[in-house]
Amino acid sequence: MGLLTYEQGVEAFRVTDQLSAAERAALMGGTLAKIYHWSPDMRR
């Protein structure tokens, strides 16, 4: 068995109806953004 690509690894989280929008957001980077106090709109 080989390694998954990034797309294969996240596809299940993107298409499932088992997660709420908030749960999906947390799994897709929201938790790391909170830990590192990062936001996509932050300027350097």
C-alpha atoms as a PDB file:
ATOM      1  CA  MET A   1       0.000   0.000   0.000  1.00  0.00           C
ATOM      2  CA  GLY A   2       1.397   3.404  -0.981  1.00  0.00           C
ATOM      3  CA  LEU A   3       1.123   6.800   0.591  1.00  0.00           C
ATOM      4  CA  LEU A   4      -1.907   8.974   0.061  1.00  0.00           C
ATOM      5  CA  THR A   5      -1.714  12.239  -1.785  1.00  0.00           C
ATOM      6  CA  TYR A   6      -2.900  15.351   0.056  1.00  0.00           C
ATOM      7  CA  GLU A   7      -6.075  15.341  -2.031  1.00  0.00           C
ATOM      8  CA  GLN A   8      -6.818  11.714  -1.169  1.00  0.00           C
ATOM      9  CA  GLY A   9      -6.163  12.366   2.508  1.00  0.00           C
ATOM     10  CA  VAL A  10      -8.607  15.247   2.816  1.00  0.00           C
ATOM     11  CA  GLU A  11     -11.299  14.100   0.378  1.00  0.00           C
ATOM     12  CA  ALA A  12     -13.178  12.114   3.022  1.00  0.00           C
ATOM     13  CA  PHE A  13     -13.409  15.191   5.256  1.00  0.00           C
ATOM     14  CA  ARG A  14     -14.588  17.384   2.381  1.00  0.00           C
ATOM     15  CA  VAL A  15     -17.404  15.154   1.136  1.00  0.00           C
ATOM     16  CA  THR A  16     -18.822  13.593   4.295  1.00  0.00           C
ATOM     17  CA  ASP A  17     -22.168  14.638   5.675  1.00  0.00           C
ATOM     18  CA  GLN A  18     -21.161  13.316   9.116  1.00  0.00           C
ATOM     19  CA  LEU A  19     -19.384  16.549  10.096  1.00  0.00           C
ATOM     20  CA  SER A  20     -20.794  19.984  10.748  1.00  0.00           C
ATOM     21  CA  ALA A  21     -19.292  22.973   8.972  1.00  0.00           C
ATOM     22  CA  ALA A  22     -17.498  23.938  12.210  1.00  0.00           C
ATOM     23  CA  GLU A  23     -16.043  20.442  12.653  1.00  0.00           C
ATOM     24  CA  ARG A  24     -14.904  20.372   9.041  1.00  0.00           C
ATOM     25  CA  ALA A  25     -13.261  23.794   9.403  1.00  0.00           C
ATOM     26  CA  ALA A  26     -11.408  22.648  12.543  1.00  0.00           C
ATOM     27  CA  LEU A  27     -10.135  19.525  10.803  1.00  0.00           C
ATOM     28  CA  MET A  28      -9.094  21.440   7.715  1.00  0.00           C
ATOM     29  CA  GLY A  29      -6.786  23.853   9.529  1.00  0.00           C
ATOM     30  CA  GLY A  30      -8.848  25.794  12.023  1.00  0.00           C
ATOM     31  CA  THR A  31      -7.235  24.144  15.021  1.00  0.00           C
ATOM     32  CA  LEU A  32      -3.693  24.904  13.811  1.00  0.00           C
ATOM     33  CA  ALA A  33      -4.686  28.470  13.031  1.00  0.00           C
ATOM     34  CA  LYS A  34      -5.830  28.870  16.648  1.00  0.00           C
ATOM     35  CA  ILE A  35      -2.695  27.279  18.104  1.00  0.00           C
ATOM     36  CA  TYR A  36      -0.378  29.480  16.047  1.00  0.00           C
ATOM     37  CA  HIS A  37      -2.587  32.581  16.234  1.00  0.00           C
ATOM     38  CA  TRP A  38      -2.585  32.725  12.430  1.00  0.00           C
ATOM     39  CA  SER A  39      -5.129  34.083   9.989  1.00  0.00           C
ATOM     40  CA  PRO A  40      -4.933  34.094   6.173  1.00  0.00           C
ATOM     41  CA  ASP A  41      -5.467  37.860   6.194  1.00  0.00           C
ATOM     42  CA  MET A  42      -2.512  38.569   8.530  1.00  0.00           C
ATOM     43  CA  ARG A  43       0.187  40.788   7.026  1.00  0.00           C
ATOM     44  CA  ARG A  44       3.896  40.178   7.528  1.00  0.00           C
END
